[in-house]
Amino acid sequence: MTVSPTPSAVLQCNGVERRFGGLVAVTDVDLRIDRGEIFGLVGPNGSGKTTLVNAITGFYPPQKGRIFLDGEDITGMKPHLVARRQVARTFQNLALFNGMSVLDNILLGRHVHLQPSISKTVLYWWLGQPQEIEHRRVCEEIIEFLQLQGVRDEPVESLSIGLKKRVELARALVAEPTFLILDEPMAGMNQEEKEYMARFVLDARDERGITVLLIEHHMDVVTGICDRIMALNYGEVIGTGLPRDVVANPRVIEAYLGKGHQHAA
């Protein structure tokens, strides 16, 4: 059967399945994220959230199903080719480079826009310098957007976890994505840091027109900023829809809290 993408969808997954040996990590997942949405992906540890994202971004291509980005079939496409289609991602574990400044870490996010060549190296002042100036302009704009001016020259290892997460978000944003995947961007944060990050995610959508897929354990954040959410458990979809409806779903309550809490609720 031929699967066609939905015209309004930035991302669409149809029947996606990913196995590792005999372990089924995700199975028969259907997902649609429309342009301008903040879409939440929730579920207990080991539910398949990161595996699904890895399938979308090409790190672990699905064995079954199709994945469409802006109507283009990207199933099995290499990660660097997915990134060139204006997709950026942050990771569950911080992937910053210690010993480098905040600015230098953020500049690394411009790699998808680099066009190295021998001629640009030889003729740096005519060809290479304008490109470098543009990369720095974009980085300074994002530093201001995320209110990182005060730490732009600090080594990243000296920052709090909240600021480090903000630097990682900045590195993703300087790639100028239209689709942004955030893998637990608020892990380890205190309440004030979470509120700051939530505001920046909303601003990225509202001011920069970015569609967001947000993987998050903090349900207060998910219900507060997401337009729709999907819940996974053992690799299966157990709920999709408005946040208030999904978090009240008995299957979701059971997955997070156990059967005793479901009956108590």
C-alpha atoms as a PDB file:
ATOM      1  CA  MET A   1       0.000   0.000   0.000  1.00  0.00           C
ATOM      2  CA  THR A   2       1.319   3.440  -0.938  1.00  0.00           C
ATOM      3  CA  VAL A   3       1.423   5.897   1.966  1.00  0.00           C
ATOM      4  CA  SER A   4       0.947   9.588   1.198  1.00  0.00           C
ATOM      5  CA  PRO A   5       1.957  12.404   3.564  1.00  0.00           C
ATOM      6  CA  THR A   6      -0.593  14.844   4.973  1.00  0.00           C
ATOM      7  CA  PRO A   7      -0.058  18.242   3.262  1.00  0.00           C
ATOM      8  CA  SER A   8      -0.115  20.244   6.531  1.00  0.00           C
ATOM      9  CA  ALA A   9       2.332  17.971   8.337  1.00  0.00           C
ATOM     10  CA  VAL A  10       5.933  18.965   8.975  1.00  0.00           C
ATOM     11  CA  LEU A  11       6.611  15.450  10.265  1.00  0.00           C
ATOM     12  CA  GLN A  12       4.605  12.319   9.635  1.00  0.00           C
ATOM     13  CA  CYS A  13       5.385   8.769  10.740  1.00  0.00           C
ATOM     14  CA  ASN A  14       3.313   5.866   9.457  1.00  0.00           C
ATOM     15  CA  GLY A  15       3.562   2.450  11.117  1.00  0.00           C
ATOM     16  CA  VAL A  16       7.143   2.983  12.310  1.00  0.00           C
ATOM     17  CA  GLU A  17       8.832   0.003  13.943  1.00  0.00           C
ATOM     18  CA  ARG A  18      12.368  -0.358  15.259  1.00  0.00           C
ATOM     19  CA  ARG A  19      13.807  -3.546  16.732  1.00  0.00           C
ATOM     20  CA  PHE A  20      17.159  -4.340  18.324  1.00  0.00           C
ATOM     21  CA  GLY A  21      17.559  -8.069  17.974  1.00  0.00           C
ATOM     22  CA  GLY A  22      14.529  -9.580  19.691  1.00  0.00           C
ATOM     23  CA  LEU A  23      13.686  -6.348  21.517  1.00  0.00           C
ATOM     24  CA  VAL A  24      10.896  -4.270  20.010  1.00  0.00           C
ATOM     25  CA  ALA A  25      11.788  -0.676  20.902  1.00  0.00           C
ATOM     26  CA  VAL A  26       8.931   1.012  19.005  1.00  0.00           C
ATOM     27  CA  THR A  27       6.132  -0.640  17.090  1.00  0.00           C
ATOM     28  CA  ASP A  28       3.392   0.563  14.737  1.00  0.00           C
ATOM     29  CA  VAL A  29       3.819   4.241  15.659  1.00  0.00           C
ATOM     30  CA  ASP A  30       1.722   6.756  13.747  1.00  0.00           C
ATOM     31  CA  LEU A  31       2.622  10.393  14.366  1.00  0.00           C
ATOM     32  CA  ARG A  32       1.717  13.709  12.740  1.00  0.00           C
ATOM     33  CA  ILE A  33       3.130  17.094  13.733  1.00  0.00           C
ATOM     34  CA  ASP A  34       1.626  20.102  11.991  1.00  0.00           C
ATOM     35  CA  ARG A  35       3.462  23.305  11.144  1.00  0.00           C
ATOM     36  CA  GLY A  36       3.818  25.660  14.103  1.00  0.00           C
ATOM     37  CA  GLU A  37       2.974  23.054  16.739  1.00  0.00           C
ATOM     38  CA  ILE A  38       4.807  22.293  19.943  1.00  0.00           C
ATOM     39  CA  PHE A  39       4.224  18.553  20.119  1.00  0.00           C
ATOM     40  CA  GLY A  40       5.080  16.649  23.286  1.00  0.00           C
ATOM     41  CA  LEU A  41       6.362  13.069  23.401  1.00  0.00           C
ATOM     42  CA  VAL A  42       6.021  11.514  26.850  1.00  0.00           C
ATOM     43  CA  GLY A  43       6.366   8.145  28.509  1.00  0.00           C
ATOM     44  CA  PRO A  44       8.255   6.330  31.274  1.00  0.00           C
ATOM     45  CA  ASN A  45      11.970   5.561  30.963  1.00  0.00           C
ATOM     46  CA  GLY A  46      12.519   2.900  28.318  1.00  0.00           C
ATOM     47  CA  SER A  47       9.210   3.591  26.575  1.00  0.00           C
ATOM     48  CA  GLY A  48      10.857   4.204  23.197  1.00  0.00           C
ATOM     49  CA  LYS A  49      10.853   8.010  22.994  1.00  0.00           C
ATOM     50  CA  THR A  50      14.532   8.471  22.117  1.00  0.00           C
ATOM     51  CA  THR A  51      14.468   5.441  19.803  1.00  0.00           C
ATOM     52  CA  LEU A  52      11.630   7.035  17.841  1.00  0.00           C
ATOM     53  CA  VAL A  53      13.582  10.298  17.566  1.00  0.00           C
ATOM     54  CA  ASN A  54      16.671   8.361  16.447  1.00  0.00           C
ATOM     55  CA  ALA A  55      14.564   6.729  13.739  1.00  0.00           C
ATOM     56  CA  ILE A  56      13.272  10.114  12.588  1.00  0.00           C
ATOM     57  CA  THR A  57      16.755  11.660  12.456  1.00  0.00           C
ATOM     58  CA  GLY A  58      18.387   8.700  10.723  1.00  0.00           C
ATOM     59  CA  PHE A  59      20.543   7.319  13.533  1.00  0.00           C
ATOM     60  CA  TYR A  60      18.535   4.076  13.744  1.00  0.00           C
ATOM     61  CA  PRO A  61      16.411   3.751  10.598  1.00  0.00           C
ATOM     62  CA  PRO A  62      13.103   1.901  11.108  1.00  0.00           C
ATOM     63  CA  GLN A  63      12.720  -1.652   9.863  1.00  0.00           C
ATOM     64  CA  LYS A  64       9.077  -0.962   9.036  1.00  0.00           C
ATOM     65  CA  GLY A  65       7.017   2.112   8.240  1.00  0.00           C
ATOM     66  CA  ARG A  66       7.670   5.415   6.494  1.00  0.00           C
ATOM     67  CA  ILE A  67       8.802   8.829   7.739  1.00  0.00           C
ATOM     68  CA  PHE A  68       8.001  12.050   5.884  1.00  0.00           C
ATOM     69  CA  LEU A  69       9.470  15.511   6.474  1.00  0.00           C
ATOM     70  CA  ASP A  70       7.630  18.352   4.735  1.00  0.00           C
ATOM     71  CA  GLY A  71       6.151  15.761   2.387  1.00  0.00           C
ATOM     72  CA  GLU A  72       9.525  14.201   1.473  1.00  0.00           C
ATOM     73  CA  ASP A  73      10.148  10.555   2.313  1.00  0.00           C
ATOM     74  CA  ILE A  74      13.245  10.579   4.561  1.00  0.00           C
ATOM     75  CA  THR A  75      12.985   6.968   5.750  1.00  0.00           C
ATOM     76  CA  GLY A  76      16.529   5.656   6.252  1.00  0.00           C
ATOM     77  CA  MET A  77      18.148   8.931   5.208  1.00  0.00           C
ATOM     78  CA  LYS A  78      21.599   9.578   6.749  1.00  0.00           C
ATOM     79  CA  PRO A  79      21.609  11.922   9.784  1.00  0.00           C
ATOM     80  CA  HIS A  80      23.684  14.638   8.087  1.00  0.00           C
ATOM     81  CA  LEU A  81      21.259  14.718   5.170  1.00  0.00           C
ATOM     82  CA  VAL A  82      18.296  15.015   7.544  1.00  0.00           C
ATOM     83  CA  ALA A  83      20.081  17.900   9.308  1.00  0.00           C
ATOM     84  CA  ARG A  84      20.498  19.706   5.984  1.00  0.00           C
ATOM     85  CA  ARG A  85      16.720  19.727   5.659  1.00  0.00           C
ATOM     86  CA  GLN A  86      16.527  22.329   8.428  1.00  0.00           C
ATOM     87  CA  VAL A  87      16.209  19.834  11.274  1.00  0.00           C
ATOM     88  CA  ALA A  88      18.113  20.473  14.514  1.00  0.00           C
ATOM     89  CA  ARG A  89      18.259  18.450  17.696  1.00  0.00           C
ATOM     90  CA  THR A  90      19.421  18.597  21.290  1.00  0.00           C
ATOM     91  CA  PHE A  91      20.324  15.438  23.184  1.00  0.00           C
ATOM     92  CA  GLN A  92      19.210  13.898  26.460  1.00  0.00           C
ATOM     93  CA  ASN A  93      22.775  13.988  27.762  1.00  0.00           C
ATOM     94  CA  LEU A  94      24.636  17.263  27.338  1.00  0.00           C
ATOM     95  CA  ALA A  95      26.929  17.162  24.307  1.00  0.00           C
ATOM     96  CA  LEU A  96      28.904  20.354  24.923  1.00  0.00           C
ATOM     97  CA  PHE A  97      32.677  20.627  24.532  1.00  0.00           C
ATOM     98  CA  ASN A  98      34.486  21.416  27.762  1.00  0.00           C
ATOM     99  CA  GLY A  99      37.515  23.655  27.424  1.00  0.00           C
ATOM    100  CA  MET A 100      35.689  25.754  24.850  1.00  0.00           C
ATOM    101  CA  SER A 101      33.786  28.967  25.436  1.00  0.00           C
ATOM    102  CA  VAL A 102      30.034  29.364  25.201  1.00  0.00           C
ATOM    103  CA  LEU A 103      30.448  31.262  21.927  1.00  0.00           C
ATOM    104  CA  ASP A 104      32.688  28.601  20.380  1.00  0.00           C
ATOM    105  CA  ASN A 105      30.247  25.838  21.362  1.00  0.00           C
ATOM    106  CA  ILE A 106      27.404  27.769  19.766  1.00  0.00           C
ATOM    107  CA  LEU A 107      29.414  28.434  16.603  1.00  0.00           C
ATOM    108  CA  LEU A 108      29.698  24.669  16.091  1.00  0.00           C
ATOM    109  CA  GLY A 109      25.977  24.654  15.351  1.00  0.00           C
ATOM    110  CA  ARG A 110      26.678  26.490  12.101  1.00  0.00           C
ATOM    111  CA  HIS A 111      28.473  23.478  10.614  1.00  0.00           C
ATOM    112  CA  VAL A 112      25.463  22.586   8.429  1.00  0.00           C
ATOM    113  CA  HIS A 113      25.908  25.933   6.671  1.00  0.00           C
ATOM    114  CA  LEU A 114      29.653  25.666   6.137  1.00  0.00           C
ATOM    115  CA  GLN A 115      30.832  25.434   2.536  1.00  0.00           C
ATOM    116  CA  PRO A 116      34.573  24.795   2.812  1.00  0.00           C
ATOM    117  CA  SER A 117      36.712  24.965  -0.301  1.00  0.00           C
ATOM    118  CA  ILE A 118      40.328  25.508  -1.252  1.00  0.00           C
ATOM    119  CA  SER A 119      39.415  28.743  -3.037  1.00  0.00           C
ATOM    120  CA  LYS A 120      37.775  30.165   0.092  1.00  0.00           C
ATOM    121  CA  THR A 121      40.869  29.290   2.113  1.00  0.00           C
ATOM    122  CA  VAL A 122      43.269  30.833  -0.382  1.00  0.00           C
ATOM    123  CA  LEU A 123      41.055  33.870  -0.998  1.00  0.00           C
ATOM    124  CA  TYR A 124      39.929  34.222   2.625  1.00  0.00           C
ATOM    125  CA  TRP A 125      39.571  38.018   2.649  1.00  0.00           C
ATOM    126  CA  TRP A 126      37.337  37.977  -0.431  1.00  0.00           C
ATOM    127  CA  LEU A 127      35.404  34.727  -0.057  1.00  0.00           C
ATOM    128  CA  GLY A 128      35.901  33.210   3.396  1.00  0.00           C
ATOM    129  CA  GLN A 129      35.635  36.249   5.662  1.00  0.00           C
ATOM    130  CA  PRO A 130      32.090  37.311   4.624  1.00  0.00           C
ATOM    131  CA  GLN A 131      30.880  33.777   5.396  1.00  0.00           C
ATOM    132  CA  GLU A 132      32.551  33.847   8.819  1.00  0.00           C
ATOM    133  CA  ILE A 133      31.023  37.263   9.588  1.00  0.00           C
ATOM    134  CA  GLU A 134      27.555  35.922   8.745  1.00  0.00           C
ATOM    135  CA  HIS A 135      28.037  32.873  11.002  1.00  0.00           C
ATOM    136  CA  ARG A 136      29.048  35.095  13.899  1.00  0.00           C
ATOM    137  CA  ARG A 137      26.131  37.467  13.271  1.00  0.00           C
ATOM    138  CA  VAL A 138      23.646  34.600  13.554  1.00  0.00           C
ATOM    139  CA  CYS A 139      25.348  33.330  16.725  1.00  0.00           C
ATOM    140  CA  GLU A 140      25.290  36.761  18.374  1.00  0.00           C
ATOM    141  CA  GLU A 141      21.606  37.101  17.504  1.00  0.00           C
ATOM    142  CA  ILE A 142      20.803  33.777  19.203  1.00  0.00           C
ATOM    143  CA  ILE A 143      22.995  34.644  22.212  1.00  0.00           C
ATOM    144  CA  GLU A 144      20.876  37.760  22.679  1.00  0.00           C
ATOM    145  CA  PHE A 145      17.644  35.834  22.054  1.00  0.00           C
ATOM    146  CA  LEU A 146      18.503  33.345  24.831  1.00  0.00           C
ATOM    147  CA  GLN A 147      19.971  35.989  27.141  1.00  0.00           C
ATOM    148  CA  LEU A 148      23.464  34.464  27.206  1.00  0.00           C
ATOM    149  CA  GLN A 149      25.405  37.721  26.734  1.00  0.00           C
ATOM    150  CA  GLY A 150      26.824  37.602  30.269  1.00  0.00           C
ATOM    151  CA  VAL A 151      28.454  34.184  29.782  1.00  0.00           C
ATOM    152  CA  ARG A 152      29.319  34.245  26.059  1.00  0.00           C
ATOM    153  CA  ASP A 153      33.090  34.084  26.751  1.00  0.00           C
ATOM    154  CA  GLU A 154      32.936  31.720  29.751  1.00  0.00           C
ATOM    155  CA  PRO A 155      34.077  28.084  29.489  1.00  0.00           C
ATOM    156  CA  VAL A 156      30.976  25.906  29.351  1.00  0.00           C
ATOM    157  CA  GLU A 157      32.141  23.635  32.164  1.00  0.00           C
ATOM    158  CA  SER A 158      31.828  26.552  34.598  1.00  0.00           C
ATOM    159  CA  LEU A 159      28.101  27.007  33.941  1.00  0.00           C
ATOM    160  CA  SER A 160      25.089  25.718  35.854  1.00  0.00           C
ATOM    161  CA  ILE A 161      23.050  22.901  34.324  1.00  0.00           C
ATOM    162  CA  GLY A 162      20.337  25.364  33.365  1.00  0.00           C
ATOM    163  CA  LEU A 163      22.752  27.574  31.427  1.00  0.00           C
ATOM    164  CA  LYS A 164      24.406  24.567  29.798  1.00  0.00           C
ATOM    165  CA  LYS A 165      21.001  23.424  28.516  1.00  0.00           C
ATOM    166  CA  ARG A 166      20.425  26.931  27.187  1.00  0.00           C
ATOM    167  CA  VAL A 167      23.776  26.841  25.369  1.00  0.00           C
ATOM    168  CA  GLU A 168      22.801  23.546  23.772  1.00  0.00           C
ATOM    169  CA  LEU A 169      19.504  25.069  22.665  1.00  0.00           C
ATOM    170  CA  ALA A 170      21.446  28.022  21.210  1.00  0.00           C
ATOM    171  CA  ARG A 171      23.687  25.659  19.255  1.00  0.00           C
ATOM    172  CA  ALA A 172      20.593  24.034  17.757  1.00  0.00           C
ATOM    173  CA  LEU A 173      18.941  27.368  16.923  1.00  0.00           C
ATOM    174  CA  VAL A 174      21.957  28.805  15.059  1.00  0.00           C
ATOM    175  CA  ALA A 175      21.465  26.025  12.508  1.00  0.00           C
ATOM    176  CA  GLU A 176      18.308  27.988  11.593  1.00  0.00           C
ATOM    177  CA  PRO A 177      15.983  24.982  11.742  1.00  0.00           C
ATOM    178  CA  THR A 178      12.338  24.928  10.781  1.00  0.00           C
ATOM    179  CA  PHE A 179      11.878  21.708  12.808  1.00  0.00           C
ATOM    180  CA  LEU A 180      13.501  21.420  16.243  1.00  0.00           C
ATOM    181  CA  ILE A 181      13.723  18.245  18.346  1.00  0.00           C
ATOM    182  CA  LEU A 182      14.389  18.771  22.065  1.00  0.00           C
ATOM    183  CA  ASP A 183      15.265  15.627  24.040  1.00  0.00           C
ATOM    184  CA  GLU A 184      14.538  16.346  27.724  1.00  0.00           C
ATOM    185  CA  PRO A 185      15.784  19.956  27.641  1.00  0.00           C
ATOM    186  CA  MET A 186      14.746  20.567  31.262  1.00  0.00           C
ATOM    187  CA  ALA A 187      16.298  17.527  32.912  1.00  0.00           C
ATOM    188  CA  GLY A 188      18.115  18.474  36.125  1.00  0.00           C
ATOM    189  CA  MET A 189      16.745  22.022  36.224  1.00  0.00           C
ATOM    190  CA  ASN A 190      15.166  23.795  39.156  1.00  0.00           C
ATOM    191  CA  GLN A 191      11.725  25.400  38.819  1.00  0.00           C
ATOM    192  CA  GLU A 192      13.023  28.836  37.808  1.00  0.00           C
ATOM    193  CA  GLU A 193      15.301  27.357  35.134  1.00  0.00           C
ATOM    194  CA  LYS A 194      12.424  25.255  33.790  1.00  0.00           C
ATOM    195  CA  GLU A 195      10.233  28.346  33.483  1.00  0.00           C
ATOM    196  CA  TYR A 196      12.969  30.187  31.581  1.00  0.00           C
ATOM    197  CA  MET A 197      13.449  27.268  29.187  1.00  0.00           C
ATOM    198  CA  ALA A 198       9.710  26.879  28.631  1.00  0.00           C
ATOM    199  CA  ARG A 199       9.503  30.568  27.725  1.00  0.00           C
ATOM    200  CA  PHE A 200      12.384  30.244  25.257  1.00  0.00           C
ATOM    201  CA  VAL A 201      10.740  27.233  23.576  1.00  0.00           C
ATOM    202  CA  LEU A 202       7.488  29.171  23.192  1.00  0.00           C
ATOM    203  CA  ASP A 203       9.382  32.178  21.822  1.00  0.00           C
ATOM    204  CA  ALA A 204      11.254  29.985  19.326  1.00  0.00           C
ATOM    205  CA  ARG A 205       7.891  28.828  17.994  1.00  0.00           C
ATOM    206  CA  ASP A 206       6.127  32.189  18.092  1.00  0.00           C
ATOM    207  CA  GLU A 207       8.934  34.529  17.001  1.00  0.00           C
ATOM    208  CA  ARG A 208      11.013  32.278  14.762  1.00  0.00           C
ATOM    209  CA  GLY A 209       8.314  30.073  13.266  1.00  0.00           C
ATOM    210  CA  ILE A 210       9.887  26.814  14.429  1.00  0.00           C
ATOM    211  CA  THR A 211       7.894  23.602  14.798  1.00  0.00           C
ATOM    212  CA  VAL A 212       8.970  21.712  17.935  1.00  0.00           C
ATOM    213  CA  LEU A 213       8.996  18.072  19.013  1.00  0.00           C
ATOM    214  CA  LEU A 214       9.542  18.091  22.783  1.00  0.00           C
ATOM    215  CA  ILE A 215      10.500  14.968  24.739  1.00  0.00           C
ATOM    216  CA  GLU A 216      10.000  15.738  28.409  1.00  0.00           C
ATOM    217  CA  HIS A 217       9.360  14.053  31.761  1.00  0.00           C
ATOM    218  CA  HIS A 218       8.084  17.177  33.525  1.00  0.00           C
ATOM    219  CA  MET A 219       4.346  16.862  32.934  1.00  0.00           C
ATOM    220  CA  ASP A 220       3.675  20.402  34.180  1.00  0.00           C
ATOM    221  CA  VAL A 221       5.856  21.701  31.337  1.00  0.00           C
ATOM    222  CA  VAL A 222       4.262  19.423  28.741  1.00  0.00           C
ATOM    223  CA  THR A 223       0.714  20.355  29.709  1.00  0.00           C
ATOM    224  CA  GLY A 224       1.694  24.026  29.936  1.00  0.00           C
ATOM    225  CA  ILE A 225       3.287  24.605  26.518  1.00  0.00           C
ATOM    226  CA  CYS A 226       2.395  21.710  24.194  1.00  0.00           C
ATOM    227  CA  ASP A 227      -0.468  21.897  21.711  1.00  0.00           C
ATOM    228  CA  ARG A 228      -0.794  18.106  21.508  1.00  0.00           C
ATOM    229  CA  ILE A 229       1.069  15.180  23.029  1.00  0.00           C
ATOM    230  CA  MET A 230       1.650  11.488  22.426  1.00  0.00           C
ATOM    231  CA  ALA A 231       2.340   8.962  25.175  1.00  0.00           C
ATOM    232  CA  LEU A 232       4.398   5.816  24.610  1.00  0.00           C
ATOM    233  CA  ASN A 233       4.837   2.741  26.786  1.00  0.00           C
ATOM    234  CA  TYR A 234       6.935  -0.296  25.844  1.00  0.00           C
ATOM    235  CA  GLY A 235       7.227   1.165  22.357  1.00  0.00           C
ATOM    236  CA  GLU A 236       3.472   1.409  21.760  1.00  0.00           C
ATOM    237  CA  VAL A 237       1.281   4.483  21.503  1.00  0.00           C
ATOM    238  CA  ILE A 238      -1.091   4.584  24.496  1.00  0.00           C
ATOM    239  CA  GLY A 239      -2.554   8.039  23.971  1.00  0.00           C
ATOM    240  CA  THR A 240      -2.542  10.982  21.562  1.00  0.00           C
ATOM    241  CA  GLY A 241      -4.384  14.293  21.704  1.00  0.00           C
ATOM    242  CA  LEU A 242      -4.756  17.387  23.841  1.00  0.00           C
ATOM    243  CA  PRO A 243      -2.444  17.334  26.887  1.00  0.00           C
ATOM    244  CA  ARG A 244      -5.279  17.409  29.454  1.00  0.00           C
ATOM    245  CA  ASP A 245      -6.958  14.428  27.784  1.00  0.00           C
ATOM    246  CA  VAL A 246      -3.819  12.319  27.451  1.00  0.00           C
ATOM    247  CA  VAL A 247      -2.602  12.838  31.035  1.00  0.00           C
ATOM    248  CA  ALA A 248      -6.081  11.823  32.264  1.00  0.00           C
ATOM    249  CA  ASN A 249      -6.040   8.658  30.132  1.00  0.00           C
ATOM    250  CA  PRO A 250      -6.131   5.599  32.453  1.00  0.00           C
ATOM    251  CA  ARG A 251      -3.488   3.804  30.345  1.00  0.00           C
ATOM    252  CA  VAL A 252      -1.122   6.767  30.714  1.00  0.00           C
ATOM    253  CA  ILE A 253      -1.756   7.002  34.479  1.00  0.00           C
ATOM    254  CA  GLU A 254      -1.073   3.283  34.817  1.00  0.00           C
ATOM    255  CA  ALA A 255       2.145   3.521  32.756  1.00  0.00           C
ATOM    256  CA  TYR A 256       3.512   6.289  34.966  1.00  0.00           C
ATOM    257  CA  LEU A 257       2.145   5.364  38.394  1.00  0.00           C
ATOM    258  CA  GLY A 258       0.969   1.742  38.357  1.00  0.00           C
ATOM    259  CA  LYS A 259      -2.425   0.082  38.553  1.00  0.00           C
ATOM    260  CA  GLY A 260      -3.018   1.041  42.199  1.00  0.00           C
ATOM    261  CA  HIS A 261      -2.892   4.740  41.358  1.00  0.00           C
ATOM    262  CA  GLN A 262      -5.178   4.214  38.379  1.00  0.00           C
ATOM    263  CA  HIS A 263      -7.906   2.755  40.616  1.00  0.00           C
ATOM    264  CA  ALA A 264      -7.309   5.434  43.228  1.00  0.00           C
ATOM    265  CA  ALA A 265      -7.753   8.126  40.572  1.00  0.00           C
END
